[in-house]
Amino acid sequence: MAATSPTAGQPIPNNTYGKAWRDARAMVLTPVQQRSPLARRPYDLRHAAVSLWLNAGIPATQVAEWAEHSVHVLMRVYARCVYGQEEAARRQIETALAQSKPEETPPPEQAKPR
């Protein structure tokens, strides 16, 4: 006898996903975390991933491609989620400037009059 699907080939109801998600959260989160908005919906994982990528310093163009957003939409939605990158950006600029600085060489000898 062949096994049959509990949904008989029909789409899985949204409340089934919701219950499975709540059960999963209960298994891995502390009671305090469960009461918080942390990963309240599966879709929240997408926001967490995009925020993580941006905070890790991945260029916005790459993150936008992975998230299938335009850079404009990405920055409009996620710019407020990016923290602590100013200092890292300043260090990158300083490093780039230091690398482009010409070597200090002594001035050429002055031509002596004859």
PDB file of N, CA and C in Angstrom:
ATOM      1  N   MET A   1       0.842  -1.173   0.000  1.00  0.00           N
ATOM      2  CA  MET A   1       0.000   0.000   0.000  1.00  0.00           C
ATOM      3  C   MET A   1       0.891   1.241   0.000  1.00  0.00           C
ATOM      4  N   ALA A   2       0.628   2.161  -0.871  1.00  0.00           N
ATOM      5  CA  ALA A   2       1.434   3.375  -0.993  1.00  0.00           C
ATOM      6  C   ALA A   2       1.059   4.357   0.107  1.00  0.00           C
ATOM      7  N   ALA A   3       2.095   5.054   0.608  1.00  0.00           N
ATOM      8  CA  ALA A   3       1.847   6.086   1.622  1.00  0.00           C
ATOM      9  C   ALA A   3       1.156   7.266   0.961  1.00  0.00           C
ATOM     10  N   THR A   4       0.223   7.866   1.667  1.00  0.00           N
ATOM     11  CA  THR A   4      -0.465   9.032   1.121  1.00  0.00           C
ATOM     12  C   THR A   4      -0.055  10.269   1.898  1.00  0.00           C
ATOM     13  N   SER A   5      -0.085  11.389   1.215  1.00  0.00           N
ATOM     14  CA  SER A   5       0.267  12.670   1.823  1.00  0.00           C
ATOM     15  C   SER A   5      -0.849  13.118   2.756  1.00  0.00           C
ATOM     16  N   PRO A   6      -0.491  13.690   3.921  1.00  0.00           N
ATOM     17  CA  PRO A   6      -1.539  14.171   4.818  1.00  0.00           C
ATOM     18  C   PRO A   6      -2.377  15.286   4.196  1.00  0.00           C
ATOM     19  N   THR A   7      -1.843  15.965   3.193  1.00  0.00           N
ATOM     20  CA  THR A   7      -2.610  17.045   2.563  1.00  0.00           C
ATOM     21  C   THR A   7      -3.219  16.597   1.240  1.00  0.00           C
ATOM     22  N   ALA A   8      -3.040  15.325   0.895  1.00  0.00           N
ATOM     23  CA  ALA A   8      -3.600  14.764  -0.347  1.00  0.00           C
ATOM     24  C   ALA A   8      -3.253  15.606  -1.563  1.00  0.00           C
ATOM     25  N   GLY A   9      -2.007  16.077  -1.622  1.00  0.00           N
ATOM     26  CA  GLY A   9      -1.555  16.850  -2.771  1.00  0.00           C
ATOM     27  C   GLY A   9      -1.949  18.308  -2.756  1.00  0.00           C
ATOM     28  N   GLN A  10      -2.631  18.744  -1.724  1.00  0.00           N
ATOM     29  CA  GLN A  10      -3.042  20.149  -1.618  1.00  0.00           C
ATOM     30  C   GLN A  10      -1.933  20.948  -0.920  1.00  0.00           C
ATOM     31  N   PRO A  11      -1.913  22.268  -1.108  1.00  0.00           N
ATOM     32  CA  PRO A  11      -0.916  23.096  -0.412  1.00  0.00           C
ATOM     33  C   PRO A  11      -1.026  22.931   1.107  1.00  0.00           C
ATOM     34  N   ILE A  12       0.099  23.043   1.759  1.00  0.00           N
ATOM     35  CA  ILE A  12       0.123  22.955   3.223  1.00  0.00           C
ATOM     36  C   ILE A  12      -0.467  24.246   3.782  1.00  0.00           C
ATOM     37  N   PRO A  13      -1.423  24.160   4.690  1.00  0.00           N
ATOM     38  CA  PRO A  13      -2.034  25.375   5.255  1.00  0.00           C
ATOM     39  C   PRO A  13      -1.015  26.232   6.016  1.00  0.00           C
ATOM     40  N   ASN A  14      -1.196  27.548   5.939  1.00  0.00           N
ATOM     41  CA  ASN A  14      -0.290  28.473   6.627  1.00  0.00           C
ATOM     42  C   ASN A  14      -0.212  28.203   8.120  1.00  0.00           C
ATOM     43  N   ASN A  15      -1.323  27.822   8.743  1.00  0.00           N
ATOM     44  CA  ASN A  15      -1.274  27.596  10.186  1.00  0.00           C
ATOM     45  C   ASN A  15      -0.381  26.402  10.534  1.00  0.00           C
ATOM     46  N   THR A  16      -0.191  25.478   9.591  1.00  0.00           N
ATOM     47  CA  THR A  16       0.728  24.354   9.817  1.00  0.00           C
ATOM     48  C   THR A  16       2.158  24.865   9.877  1.00  0.00           C
ATOM     49  N   TYR A  17       2.517  25.764   8.948  1.00  0.00           N
ATOM     50  CA  TYR A  17       3.848  26.371   8.986  1.00  0.00           C
ATOM     51  C   TYR A  17       4.044  27.134  10.290  1.00  0.00           C
ATOM     52  N   GLY A  18       3.035  27.900  10.667  1.00  0.00           N
ATOM     53  CA  GLY A  18       3.130  28.703  11.889  1.00  0.00           C
ATOM     54  C   GLY A  18       3.354  27.856  13.118  1.00  0.00           C
ATOM     55  N   LYS A  19       2.638  26.754  13.225  1.00  0.00           N
ATOM     56  CA  LYS A  19       2.802  25.870  14.383  1.00  0.00           C
ATOM     57  C   LYS A  19       4.193  25.241  14.380  1.00  0.00           C
ATOM     58  N   ALA A  20       4.648  24.785  13.220  1.00  0.00           N
ATOM     59  CA  ALA A  20       5.989  24.189  13.132  1.00  0.00           C
ATOM     60  C   ALA A  20       7.051  25.218  13.518  1.00  0.00           C
ATOM     61  N   TRP A  21       6.862  26.467  13.076  1.00  0.00           N
ATOM     62  CA  TRP A  21       7.832  27.524  13.400  1.00  0.00           C
ATOM     63  C   TRP A  21       7.823  27.830  14.893  1.00  0.00           C
ATOM     64  N   ARG A  22       6.647  27.940  15.482  1.00  0.00           N
ATOM     65  CA  ARG A  22       6.559  28.187  16.935  1.00  0.00           C
ATOM     66  C   ARG A  22       7.211  27.049  17.716  1.00  0.00           C
ATOM     67  N   ASP A  23       6.969  25.821  17.299  1.00  0.00           N
ATOM     68  CA  ASP A  23       7.580  24.669  17.971  1.00  0.00           C
ATOM     69  C   ASP A  23       9.105  24.713  17.855  1.00  0.00           C
ATOM     70  N   ALA A  24       9.602  25.066  16.677  1.00  0.00           N
ATOM     71  CA  ALA A  24      11.054  25.150  16.473  1.00  0.00           C
ATOM     72  C   ALA A  24      11.661  26.245  17.344  1.00  0.00           C
ATOM     73  N   ARG A  25      11.007  27.405  17.407  1.00  0.00           N
ATOM     74  CA  ARG A  25      11.500  28.491  18.261  1.00  0.00           C
ATOM     75  C   ARG A  25      11.551  28.044  19.716  1.00  0.00           C
ATOM     76  N   ALA A  26      10.517  27.328  20.154  1.00  0.00           N
ATOM     77  CA  ALA A  26      10.456  26.867  21.547  1.00  0.00           C
ATOM     78  C   ALA A  26      11.600  25.904  21.859  1.00  0.00           C
ATOM     79  N   MET A  27      12.035  25.158  20.854  1.00  0.00           N
ATOM     80  CA  MET A  27      13.113  24.190  21.074  1.00  0.00           C
ATOM     81  C   MET A  27      14.485  24.848  21.178  1.00  0.00           C
ATOM     82  N   VAL A  28      14.689  25.985  20.518  1.00  0.00           N
ATOM     83  CA  VAL A  28      16.042  26.548  20.445  1.00  0.00           C
ATOM     84  C   VAL A  28      16.217  27.883  21.165  1.00  0.00           C
ATOM     85  N   LEU A  29      15.144  28.572  21.479  1.00  0.00           N
ATOM     86  CA  LEU A  29      15.260  29.879  22.122  1.00  0.00           C
ATOM     87  C   LEU A  29      14.945  29.781  23.612  1.00  0.00           C
ATOM     88  N   THR A  30      15.543  30.690  24.365  1.00  0.00           N
ATOM     89  CA  THR A  30      15.219  30.780  25.788  1.00  0.00           C
ATOM     90  C   THR A  30      13.812  31.357  25.930  1.00  0.00           C
ATOM     91  N   PRO A  31      13.198  31.229  27.100  1.00  0.00           N
ATOM     92  CA  PRO A  31      11.864  31.824  27.289  1.00  0.00           C
ATOM     93  C   PRO A  31      11.844  33.333  27.019  1.00  0.00           C
ATOM     94  N   VAL A  32      12.884  34.041  27.423  1.00  0.00           N
ATOM     95  CA  VAL A  32      12.949  35.494  27.165  1.00  0.00           C
ATOM     96  C   VAL A  32      13.012  35.747  25.662  1.00  0.00           C
ATOM     97  N   GLN A  33      13.839  34.995  24.948  1.00  0.00           N
ATOM     98  CA  GLN A  33      13.940  35.163  23.501  1.00  0.00           C
ATOM     99  C   GLN A  33      12.614  34.826  22.816  1.00  0.00           C
ATOM    100  N   GLN A  34      11.919  33.822  23.323  1.00  0.00           N
ATOM    101  CA  GLN A  34      10.630  33.444  22.728  1.00  0.00           C
ATOM    102  C   GLN A  34       9.606  34.569  22.843  1.00  0.00           C
ATOM    103  N   ARG A  35       9.689  35.347  23.902  1.00  0.00           N
ATOM    104  CA  ARG A  35       8.749  36.467  24.072  1.00  0.00           C
ATOM    105  C   ARG A  35       9.152  37.680  23.235  1.00  0.00           C
ATOM    106  N   SER A  36      10.382  37.692  22.740  1.00  0.00           N
ATOM    107  CA  SER A  36      10.875  38.814  21.940  1.00  0.00           C
ATOM    108  C   SER A  36      10.470  38.623  20.476  1.00  0.00           C
ATOM    109  N   PRO A  37      10.711  39.649  19.648  1.00  0.00           N
ATOM    110  CA  PRO A  37      10.395  39.507  18.220  1.00  0.00           C
ATOM    111  C   PRO A  37      11.451  38.702  17.449  1.00  0.00           C
ATOM    112  N   LEU A  38      12.460  38.188  18.135  1.00  0.00           N
ATOM    113  CA  LEU A  38      13.540  37.452  17.482  1.00  0.00           C
ATOM    114  C   LEU A  38      12.984  36.287  16.661  1.00  0.00           C
ATOM    115  N   ALA A  39      13.209  36.343  15.357  1.00  0.00           N
ATOM    116  CA  ALA A  39      12.786  35.273  14.445  1.00  0.00           C
ATOM    117  C   ALA A  39      11.332  34.863  14.674  1.00  0.00           C
ATOM    118  N   ARG A  40      10.493  35.851  14.863  1.00  0.00           N
ATOM    119  CA  ARG A  40       9.078  35.555  15.102  1.00  0.00           C
ATOM    120  C   ARG A  40       8.447  34.844  13.904  1.00  0.00           C
ATOM    121  N   ARG A  41       8.897  35.205  12.698  1.00  0.00           N
ATOM    122  CA  ARG A  41       8.379  34.572  11.477  1.00  0.00           C
ATOM    123  C   ARG A  41       9.557  34.024  10.681  1.00  0.00           C
ATOM    124  N   PRO A  42       9.368  33.002   9.880  1.00  0.00           N
ATOM    125  CA  PRO A  42      10.478  32.514   9.052  1.00  0.00           C
ATOM    126  C   PRO A  42      11.085  33.620   8.187  1.00  0.00           C
ATOM    127  N   TYR A  43      10.255  34.546   7.709  1.00  0.00           N
ATOM    128  CA  TYR A  43      10.745  35.635   6.858  1.00  0.00           C
ATOM    129  C   TYR A  43      11.764  36.498   7.593  1.00  0.00           C
ATOM    130  N   ASP A  44      11.697  36.533   8.924  1.00  0.00           N
ATOM    131  CA  ASP A  44      12.653  37.325   9.696  1.00  0.00           C
ATOM    132  C   ASP A  44      14.085  36.846   9.481  1.00  0.00           C
ATOM    133  N   LEU A  45      14.257  35.588   9.111  1.00  0.00           N
ATOM    134  CA  LEU A  45      15.601  35.071   8.849  1.00  0.00           C
ATOM    135  C   LEU A  45      16.223  35.766   7.646  1.00  0.00           C
ATOM    136  N   ARG A  46      15.405  36.134   6.671  1.00  0.00           N
ATOM    137  CA  ARG A  46      15.913  36.867   5.505  1.00  0.00           C
ATOM    138  C   ARG A  46      16.462  38.219   5.949  1.00  0.00           C
ATOM    139  N   HIS A  47      15.695  38.921   6.774  1.00  0.00           N
ATOM    140  CA  HIS A  47      16.156  40.214   7.279  1.00  0.00           C
ATOM    141  C   HIS A  47      17.441  40.048   8.088  1.00  0.00           C
ATOM    142  N   ALA A  48      17.501  39.006   8.884  1.00  0.00           N
ATOM    143  CA  ALA A  48      18.698  38.760   9.688  1.00  0.00           C
ATOM    144  C   ALA A  48      19.905  38.503   8.795  1.00  0.00           C
ATOM    145  N   ALA A  49      19.717  37.727   7.742  1.00  0.00           N
ATOM    146  CA  ALA A  49      20.828  37.427   6.838  1.00  0.00           C
ATOM    147  C   ALA A  49      21.322  38.690   6.139  1.00  0.00           C
ATOM    148  N   VAL A  50      20.404  39.480   5.602  1.00  0.00           N
ATOM    149  CA  VAL A  50      20.799  40.704   4.894  1.00  0.00           C
ATOM    150  C   VAL A  50      21.498  41.664   5.850  1.00  0.00           C
ATOM    151  N   SER A  51      20.975  41.817   7.054  1.00  0.00           N
ATOM    152  CA  SER A  51      21.608  42.689   8.050  1.00  0.00           C
ATOM    153  C   SER A  51      23.001  42.184   8.402  1.00  0.00           C
ATOM    154  N   LEU A  52      23.140  40.873   8.563  1.00  0.00           N
ATOM    155  CA  LEU A  52      24.446  40.285   8.869  1.00  0.00           C
ATOM    156  C   LEU A  52      25.435  40.562   7.753  1.00  0.00           C
ATOM    157  N   TRP A  53      25.029  40.352   6.515  1.00  0.00           N
ATOM    158  CA  TRP A  53      25.920  40.584   5.381  1.00  0.00           C
ATOM    159  C   TRP A  53      26.379  42.035   5.338  1.00  0.00           C
ATOM    160  N   LEU A  54      25.447  42.970   5.509  1.00  0.00           N
ATOM    161  CA  LEU A  54      25.815  44.390   5.478  1.00  0.00           C
ATOM    162  C   LEU A  54      26.750  44.737   6.628  1.00  0.00           C
ATOM    163  N   ASN A  55      26.456  44.240   7.827  1.00  0.00           N
ATOM    164  CA  ASN A  55      27.301  44.530   8.983  1.00  0.00           C
ATOM    165  C   ASN A  55      28.661  43.857   8.888  1.00  0.00           C
ATOM    166  N   ALA A  56      28.759  42.802   8.084  1.00  0.00           N
ATOM    167  CA  ALA A  56      30.042  42.132   7.876  1.00  0.00           C
ATOM    168  C   ALA A  56      30.896  42.878   6.856  1.00  0.00           C
ATOM    169  N   GLY A  57      30.324  43.926   6.259  1.00  0.00           N
ATOM    170  CA  GLY A  57      31.088  44.721   5.302  1.00  0.00           C
ATOM    171  C   GLY A  57      30.985  44.236   3.865  1.00  0.00           C
ATOM    172  N   ILE A  58      30.072  43.319   3.587  1.00  0.00           N
ATOM    173  CA  ILE A  58      29.870  42.877   2.207  1.00  0.00           C
ATOM    174  C   ILE A  58      29.330  44.073   1.425  1.00  0.00           C
ATOM    175  N   PRO A  59      29.897  44.369   0.255  1.00  0.00           N
ATOM    176  CA  PRO A  59      29.427  45.525  -0.512  1.00  0.00           C
ATOM    177  C   PRO A  59      27.920  45.455  -0.789  1.00  0.00           C
ATOM    178  N   ALA A  60      27.285  46.609  -0.703  1.00  0.00           N
ATOM    179  CA  ALA A  60      25.831  46.684  -0.894  1.00  0.00           C
ATOM    180  C   ALA A  60      25.415  46.129  -2.249  1.00  0.00           C
ATOM    181  N   THR A  61      26.252  46.310  -3.269  1.00  0.00           N
ATOM    182  CA  THR A  61      25.896  45.782  -4.587  1.00  0.00           C
ATOM    183  C   THR A  61      25.789  44.260  -4.557  1.00  0.00           C
ATOM    184  N   GLN A  62      26.705  43.604  -3.829  1.00  0.00           N
ATOM    185  CA  GLN A  62      26.664  42.145  -3.736  1.00  0.00           C
ATOM    186  C   GLN A  62      25.469  41.685  -2.909  1.00  0.00           C
ATOM    187  N   VAL A  63      25.230  42.348  -1.782  1.00  0.00           N
ATOM    188  CA  VAL A  63      24.093  41.988  -0.926  1.00  0.00           C
ATOM    189  C   VAL A  63      22.788  42.161  -1.700  1.00  0.00           C
ATOM    190  N   ALA A  64      22.686  43.249  -2.449  1.00  0.00           N
ATOM    191  CA  ALA A  64      21.468  43.487  -3.238  1.00  0.00           C
ATOM    192  C   ALA A  64      21.248  42.361  -4.247  1.00  0.00           C
ATOM    193  N   GLU A  65      22.326  41.918  -4.867  1.00  0.00           N
ATOM    194  CA  GLU A  65      22.197  40.817  -5.829  1.00  0.00           C
ATOM    195  C   GLU A  65      21.716  39.544  -5.130  1.00  0.00           C
ATOM    196  N   TRP A  66      22.345  39.203  -4.003  1.00  0.00           N
ATOM    197  CA  TRP A  66      21.953  37.992  -3.273  1.00  0.00           C
ATOM    198  C   TRP A  66      20.503  38.072  -2.795  1.00  0.00           C
ATOM    199  N   ALA A  67      20.093  39.260  -2.337  1.00  0.00           N
ATOM    200  CA  ALA A  67      18.741  39.429  -1.790  1.00  0.00           C
ATOM    201  C   ALA A  67      17.701  39.709  -2.874  1.00  0.00           C
ATOM    202  N   GLU A  68      18.178  39.847  -4.107  1.00  0.00           N
ATOM    203  CA  GLU A  68      17.310  40.168  -5.236  1.00  0.00           C
ATOM    204  C   GLU A  68      16.556  41.476  -5.014  1.00  0.00           C
ATOM    205  N   HIS A  69      17.321  42.481  -4.562  1.00  0.00           N
ATOM    206  CA  HIS A  69      16.827  43.846  -4.381  1.00  0.00           C
ATOM    207  C   HIS A  69      17.630  44.747  -5.308  1.00  0.00           C
ATOM    208  N   SER A  70      17.130  45.952  -5.534  1.00  0.00           N
ATOM    209  CA  SER A  70      17.983  46.986  -6.104  1.00  0.00           C
ATOM    210  C   SER A  70      18.790  47.554  -4.935  1.00  0.00           C
ATOM    211  N   VAL A  71      19.913  48.188  -5.219  1.00  0.00           N
ATOM    212  CA  VAL A  71      20.703  48.803  -4.151  1.00  0.00           C
ATOM    213  C   VAL A  71      19.866  49.877  -3.465  1.00  0.00           C
ATOM    214  N   HIS A  72      19.061  50.600  -4.230  1.00  0.00           N
ATOM    215  CA  HIS A  72      18.205  51.647  -3.656  1.00  0.00           C
ATOM    216  C   HIS A  72      17.260  51.056  -2.603  1.00  0.00           C
ATOM    217  N   VAL A  73      16.569  49.996  -2.957  1.00  0.00           N
ATOM    218  CA  VAL A  73      15.637  49.361  -2.009  1.00  0.00           C
ATOM    219  C   VAL A  73      16.403  48.799  -0.820  1.00  0.00           C
ATOM    220  N   LEU A  74      17.516  48.153  -1.085  1.00  0.00           N
ATOM    221  CA  LEU A  74      18.330  47.581  -0.009  1.00  0.00           C
ATOM    222  C   LEU A  74      18.691  48.646   1.021  1.00  0.00           C
ATOM    223  N   MET A  75      19.198  49.784   0.567  1.00  0.00           N
ATOM    224  CA  MET A  75      19.636  50.822   1.496  1.00  0.00           C
ATOM    225  C   MET A  75      18.446  51.503   2.170  1.00  0.00           C
ATOM    226  N   ARG A  76      17.336  51.633   1.479  1.00  0.00           N
ATOM    227  CA  ARG A  76      16.151  52.238   2.093  1.00  0.00           C
ATOM    228  C   ARG A  76      15.645  51.360   3.241  1.00  0.00           C
ATOM    229  N   VAL A  77      15.653  50.065   3.043  1.00  0.00           N
ATOM    230  CA  VAL A  77      15.107  49.147   4.046  1.00  0.00           C
ATOM    231  C   VAL A  77      16.119  48.827   5.141  1.00  0.00           C
ATOM    232  N   TYR A  78      17.386  48.648   4.769  1.00  0.00           N
ATOM    233  CA  TYR A  78      18.357  48.098   5.712  1.00  0.00           C
ATOM    234  C   TYR A  78      19.389  49.087   6.239  1.00  0.00           C
ATOM    235  N   ALA A  79      19.425  50.306   5.745  1.00  0.00           N
ATOM    236  CA  ALA A  79      20.456  51.253   6.192  1.00  0.00           C
ATOM    237  C   ALA A  79      20.439  51.434   7.702  1.00  0.00           C
ATOM    238  N   ARG A  80      19.262  51.404   8.302  1.00  0.00           N
ATOM    239  CA  ARG A  80      19.179  51.597   9.756  1.00  0.00           C
ATOM    240  C   ARG A  80      19.681  50.382  10.531  1.00  0.00           C
ATOM    241  N   CYS A  81      19.911  49.270   9.841  1.00  0.00           N
ATOM    242  CA  CYS A  81      20.379  48.043  10.504  1.00  0.00           C
ATOM    243  C   CYS A  81      21.895  47.923  10.505  1.00  0.00           C
ATOM    244  N   VAL A  82      22.579  48.862   9.853  1.00  0.00           N
ATOM    245  CA  VAL A  82      24.032  48.781   9.741  1.00  0.00           C
ATOM    246  C   VAL A  82      24.651  49.559  10.890  1.00  0.00           C
ATOM    247  N   TYR A  83      25.467  48.873  11.677  1.00  0.00           N
ATOM    248  CA  TYR A  83      26.053  49.475  12.872  1.00  0.00           C
ATOM    249  C   TYR A  83      27.572  49.374  12.844  1.00  0.00           C
ATOM    250  N   GLY A  84      28.220  50.388  13.397  1.00  0.00           N
ATOM    251  CA  GLY A  84      29.643  50.320  13.684  1.00  0.00           C
ATOM    252  C   GLY A  84      30.562  50.230  12.494  1.00  0.00           C
ATOM    253  N   GLN A  85      30.121  50.647  11.338  1.00  0.00           N
ATOM    254  CA  GLN A  85      30.999  50.545  10.178  1.00  0.00           C
ATOM    255  C   GLN A  85      31.797  51.807   9.921  1.00  0.00           C
ATOM    256  N   GLU A  86      31.454  52.890  10.597  1.00  0.00           N
ATOM    257  CA  GLU A  86      32.157  54.143  10.332  1.00  0.00           C
ATOM    258  C   GLU A  86      33.642  54.025  10.652  1.00  0.00           C
ATOM    259  N   GLU A  87      33.970  53.477  11.806  1.00  0.00           N
ATOM    260  CA  GLU A  87      35.379  53.354  12.192  1.00  0.00           C
ATOM    261  C   GLU A  87      36.127  52.440  11.225  1.00  0.00           C
ATOM    262  N   ALA A  88      35.521  51.340  10.839  1.00  0.00           N
ATOM    263  CA  ALA A  88      36.158  50.421   9.885  1.00  0.00           C
ATOM    264  C   ALA A  88      36.367  51.118   8.539  1.00  0.00           C
ATOM    265  N   ALA A  89      35.397  51.912   8.112  1.00  0.00           N
ATOM    266  CA  ALA A  89      35.522  52.636   6.845  1.00  0.00           C
ATOM    267  C   ALA A  89      36.664  53.642   6.913  1.00  0.00           C
ATOM    268  N   ARG A  90      36.789  54.338   8.043  1.00  0.00           N
ATOM    269  CA  ARG A  90      37.888  55.304   8.198  1.00  0.00           C
ATOM    270  C   ARG A  90      39.247  54.602   8.135  1.00  0.00           C
ATOM    271  N   ARG A  91      39.348  53.427   8.766  1.00  0.00           N
ATOM    272  CA  ARG A  91      40.615  52.681   8.721  1.00  0.00           C
ATOM    273  C   ARG A  91      40.938  52.251   7.293  1.00  0.00           C
ATOM    274  N   GLN A  92      39.921  51.831   6.540  1.00  0.00           N
ATOM    275  CA  GLN A  92      40.150  51.433   5.150  1.00  0.00           C
ATOM    276  C   GLN A  92      40.647  52.612   4.323  1.00  0.00           C
ATOM    277  N   ILE A  93      40.072  53.783   4.555  1.00  0.00           N
ATOM    278  CA  ILE A  93      40.507  54.979   3.826  1.00  0.00           C
ATOM    279  C   ILE A  93      41.943  55.316   4.187  1.00  0.00           C
ATOM    280  N   GLU A  94      42.269  55.287   5.479  1.00  0.00           N
ATOM    281  CA  GLU A  94      43.639  55.576   5.912  1.00  0.00           C
ATOM    282  C   GLU A  94      44.628  54.592   5.294  1.00  0.00           C
ATOM    283  N   THR A  95      44.266  53.326   5.248  1.00  0.00           N
ATOM    284  CA  THR A  95      45.137  52.313   4.645  1.00  0.00           C
ATOM    285  C   THR A  95      45.331  52.593   3.165  1.00  0.00           C
ATOM    286  N   ALA A  96      44.254  52.921   2.468  1.00  0.00           N
ATOM    287  CA  ALA A  96      44.350  53.209   1.036  1.00  0.00           C
ATOM    288  C   ALA A  96      45.219  54.434   0.783  1.00  0.00           C
ATOM    289  N   LEU A  97      45.061  55.455   1.618  1.00  0.00           N
ATOM    290  CA  LEU A  97      45.878  56.660   1.451  1.00  0.00           C
ATOM    291  C   LEU A  97      47.340  56.370   1.744  1.00  0.00           C
ATOM    292  N   ALA A  98      47.611  55.573   2.753  1.00  0.00           N
ATOM    293  CA  ALA A  98      48.997  55.238   3.096  1.00  0.00           C
ATOM    294  C   ALA A  98      49.655  54.447   1.971  1.00  0.00           C
ATOM    295  N   GLN A  99      48.897  53.586   1.323  1.00  0.00           N
ATOM    296  CA  GLN A  99      49.455  52.784   0.239  1.00  0.00           C
ATOM    297  C   GLN A  99      49.700  53.610  -1.012  1.00  0.00           C
ATOM    298  N   SER A 100      48.967  54.695  -1.185  1.00  0.00           N
ATOM    299  CA  SER A 100      49.134  55.503  -2.387  1.00  0.00           C
ATOM    300  C   SER A 100      50.131  56.636  -2.196  1.00  0.00           C
ATOM    301  N   LYS A 101      50.645  56.787  -0.964  1.00  0.00           N
ATOM    302  CA  LYS A 101      51.596  57.855  -0.696  1.00  0.00           C
ATOM    303  C   LYS A 101      52.927  57.515  -1.370  1.00  0.00           C
ATOM    304  N   PRO A 102      53.505  58.471  -2.116  1.00  0.00           N
ATOM    305  CA  PRO A 102      54.785  58.179  -2.773  1.00  0.00           C
ATOM    306  C   PRO A 102      55.880  57.957  -1.728  1.00  0.00           C
ATOM    307  N   GLU A 103      56.817  57.104  -2.099  1.00  0.00           N
ATOM    308  CA  GLU A 103      57.957  56.850  -1.216  1.00  0.00           C
ATOM    309  C   GLU A 103      58.714  58.160  -1.008  1.00  0.00           C
ATOM    310  N   GLU A 104      59.215  58.336   0.197  1.00  0.00           N
ATOM    311  CA  GLU A 104      60.011  59.533   0.447  1.00  0.00           C
ATOM    312  C   GLU A 104      61.403  59.302  -0.119  1.00  0.00           C
ATOM    313  N   THR A 105      61.746  60.103  -1.092  1.00  0.00           N
ATOM    314  CA  THR A 105      63.074  60.005  -1.693  1.00  0.00           C
ATOM    315  C   THR A 105      63.742  61.355  -1.550  1.00  0.00           C
ATOM    316  N   PRO A 106      65.045  61.325  -1.390  1.00  0.00           N
ATOM    317  CA  PRO A 106      65.740  62.614  -1.269  1.00  0.00           C
ATOM    318  C   PRO A 106      65.610  63.395  -2.572  1.00  0.00           C
ATOM    319  N   PRO A 107      65.595  64.719  -2.473  1.00  0.00           N
ATOM    320  CA  PRO A 107      65.490  65.521  -3.697  1.00  0.00           C
ATOM    321  C   PRO A 107      66.714  65.288  -4.580  1.00  0.00           C
ATOM    322  N   PRO A 108      66.544  65.411  -5.899  1.00  0.00           N
ATOM    323  CA  PRO A 108      67.696  65.218  -6.795  1.00  0.00           C
ATOM    324  C   PRO A 108      68.748  66.287  -6.510  1.00  0.00           C
ATOM    325  N   GLU A 109      69.996  65.913  -6.770  1.00  0.00           N
ATOM    326  CA  GLU A 109      71.082  66.873  -6.517  1.00  0.00           C
ATOM    327  C   GLU A 109      70.894  68.075  -7.428  1.00  0.00           C
ATOM    328  N   GLN A 110      71.194  69.212  -6.840  1.00  0.00           N
ATOM    329  CA  GLN A 110      71.100  70.452  -7.618  1.00  0.00           C
ATOM    330  C   GLN A 110      72.269  70.481  -8.602  1.00  0.00           C
ATOM    331  N   ALA A 111      71.980  70.950  -9.784  1.00  0.00           N
ATOM    332  CA  ALA A 111      73.059  71.086 -10.770  1.00  0.00           C
ATOM    333  C   ALA A 111      73.996  72.186 -10.303  1.00  0.00           C
ATOM    334  N   LYS A 112      75.297  71.879 -10.307  1.00  0.00           N
ATOM    335  CA  LYS A 112      76.286  72.866  -9.860  1.00  0.00           C
ATOM    336  C   LYS A 112      76.694  73.733 -11.048  1.00  0.00           C
ATOM    337  N   PRO A 113      76.760  75.029 -10.826  1.00  0.00           N
ATOM    338  CA  PRO A 113      77.193  75.894 -11.942  1.00  0.00           C
ATOM    339  C   PRO A 113      78.641  75.590 -12.302  1.00  0.00           C
ATOM    340  N   ARG A 114      78.962  75.721 -13.555  1.00  0.00           N
ATOM    341  CA  ARG A 114      80.335  75.465 -14.009  1.00  0.00           C
ATOM    342  C   ARG A 114      81.156  76.668 -13.994  1.00  0.00           C
TER     343      ARG A 114
END
